[in-house]
C-alpha cells in the first residue's frame, strides 16, 4: 500500500495529461485502501481488550491531526511550487518501505495471528 501511494504521488508530478493524472490518483487511492485498514488492525490487535477502544481513539485522533497539519503544510509547499507537496509526499512514503521491511523480517506475524 505504501509503495502504491508513493508511486501514485510521484506519477502525479510527471503526469503530462489529465488521464494519466487520474490514473495516478486511482493508484494512490488503491494504495490507501490496501495500507490503512491493516494499520488500524495492527493498532487494535496489539493491545489487550480492555484498552482497545482507547488505542483506536488515539489512532484516529493522530490520523486526523496528520491530515490537518499535512494539508496545511502541503498548501504552503504548493504556494512555493505546485509539484513540491506531491514530490515530498511520494518520497516520504517510499522512504517508509525499507524500515517496514526490516520490521517485518525482525517480527514476522505468526500464521494463526493474522487480523481478519
Protein backbone atom coordinates (compact mmCIF):
# COMPACT_ATOMS: atom_id res chain seq x y z
CA UNK A 1 0.00 0.00 0.00
CA UNK A 2 2.80 2.40 0.86
CA UNK A 3 4.55 1.74 -2.44
CA UNK A 4 1.34 2.30 -4.40
CA UNK A 5 0.62 5.55 -2.57
CA UNK A 6 4.17 6.84 -3.09
CA UNK A 7 4.19 5.83 -6.75
CA UNK A 8 0.81 7.49 -7.26
CA UNK A 9 2.04 10.78 -5.83
CA UNK A 10 5.26 10.71 -7.86
CA UNK A 11 3.36 9.84 -11.05
CA UNK A 12 1.10 12.80 -10.39
CA UNK A 13 4.17 15.06 -10.54
CA UNK A 14 5.13 13.89 -14.03
CA UNK A 15 1.63 13.33 -15.45
CA UNK A 16 1.54 15.07 -18.86
CA UNK A 17 -2.25 14.91 -19.23
CA UNK A 18 -5.39 14.62 -17.09
CA UNK A 19 -5.91 10.94 -17.94
CA UNK A 20 -2.54 9.89 -16.53
CA UNK A 21 -3.17 12.16 -13.54
CA UNK A 22 -6.48 10.36 -12.93
CA UNK A 23 -4.65 7.03 -13.11
CA UNK A 24 -2.06 8.28 -10.62
CA UNK A 25 -4.82 9.38 -8.26
CA UNK A 26 -6.52 5.99 -8.61
CA UNK A 27 -3.20 4.30 -7.78
CA UNK A 28 -2.89 6.48 -4.69
CA UNK A 29 -6.47 5.63 -3.64
CA UNK A 30 -5.92 1.88 -4.09
CA UNK A 31 -2.72 2.17 -2.05
CA UNK A 32 -4.61 3.89 0.76
CA UNK A 33 -7.24 1.17 0.65
CA UNK A 34 -4.57 -1.50 0.91
CA UNK A 35 -2.48 0.27 3.57
CA UNK A 36 -4.83 1.91 6.05
CA UNK A 37 -7.15 -0.95 7.17
CA UNK A 38 -4.25 -3.26 8.11
CA UNK A 39 -2.64 -0.42 10.07
CA UNK A 40 -5.83 0.01 12.06
CA UNK A 41 -5.94 -3.75 12.58
CA UNK A 42 -2.37 -3.76 13.86
CA UNK A 43 -3.21 -0.96 16.27
CA UNK A 44 -6.25 -2.77 17.64
CA UNK A 45 -4.73 -6.27 17.78
CA UNK A 46 -1.52 -5.18 19.50
CA UNK A 47 -3.21 -4.33 22.82
CA UNK A 48 -5.43 -6.01 25.40
CA UNK A 49 -9.20 -5.94 25.01
CA UNK A 50 -9.73 -3.53 27.89
CA UNK A 51 -7.76 -0.71 26.21
CA UNK A 52 -8.59 -1.43 22.58
CA UNK A 53 -11.16 1.37 22.32
CA UNK A 54 -8.76 3.91 23.79
CA UNK A 55 -5.99 2.86 21.40
CA UNK A 56 -8.30 3.10 18.41
CA UNK A 57 -9.41 6.54 19.58
CA UNK A 58 -5.81 7.72 19.81
CA UNK A 59 -5.09 6.14 16.41
CA UNK A 60 -7.99 8.00 14.78
CA UNK A 61 -7.06 11.25 16.53
CA UNK A 62 -3.45 11.12 15.36
CA UNK A 63 -4.60 10.26 11.85
CA UNK A 64 -6.91 13.29 11.86
CA UNK A 65 -4.15 15.56 13.19
CA UNK A 66 -1.86 14.28 10.45
CA UNK A 67 -4.45 15.19 7.85
CA UNK A 68 -4.94 18.67 9.32
CA UNK A 69 -1.26 19.55 9.68
CA UNK A 70 -0.29 17.75 6.47
CA UNK A 71 -2.86 19.71 4.49
CA UNK A 72 -1.62 23.00 5.94
CA UNK A 73 1.99 22.11 5.13
CA UNK A 74 1.08 20.89 1.65
CA UNK A 75 -0.75 24.17 0.97
CA UNK A 76 2.33 26.13 1.96
CA UNK A 77 4.56 23.94 -0.22
CA UNK A 78 2.08 24.25 -3.11
CA UNK A 79 2.41 28.05 -2.90
CA UNK A 80 6.17 27.67 -3.39
CA UNK A 81 5.93 25.12 -6.21
CA UNK A 82 2.76 23.24 -7.24
CA UNK A 83 4.67 19.95 -7.65
CA UNK A 84 6.51 20.12 -4.35
CA UNK A 85 3.89 18.59 -1.99
CA UNK A 86 3.43 15.58 -4.27
CA UNK A 87 7.17 15.05 -4.68
CA UNK A 88 7.91 15.32 -0.97
CA UNK A 89 4.89 13.20 -0.04
CA UNK A 90 5.83 10.48 -2.53
CA UNK A 91 9.44 10.39 -1.37
CA UNK A 92 8.39 10.27 2.29
CA UNK A 93 6.02 7.37 1.61
CA UNK A 94 8.67 5.44 -0.33
CA UNK A 95 11.23 6.11 2.42
CA UNK A 96 8.95 4.16 4.80
CA UNK A 97 9.29 0.94 2.79
CA UNK A 98 12.77 -0.12 3.92
CA UNK A 99 12.14 0.30 7.67
CA UNK A 100 8.82 -1.54 7.29
CA UNK A 101 10.51 -4.44 5.51
CA UNK A 102 13.18 -4.58 8.20
CA UNK A 103 10.49 -4.73 10.91
CA UNK A 104 8.66 -7.47 9.04
CA UNK A 105 11.83 -9.59 8.86
CA UNK A 106 12.51 -8.98 12.54
CA UNK A 107 8.98 -9.65 13.86
CA UNK A 108 7.09 -11.92 11.47
CA UNK A 109 3.37 -12.36 12.17
CA UNK A 110 2.55 -15.97 13.12
CA UNK A 111 0.18 -17.64 10.66
CA UNK A 112 -2.69 -18.03 13.11
CA UNK A 113 -2.46 -14.40 14.28
CA UNK A 114 -3.49 -12.57 11.12
CA UNK A 115 -6.18 -9.95 11.60
CA UNK A 116 -9.49 -10.57 9.87
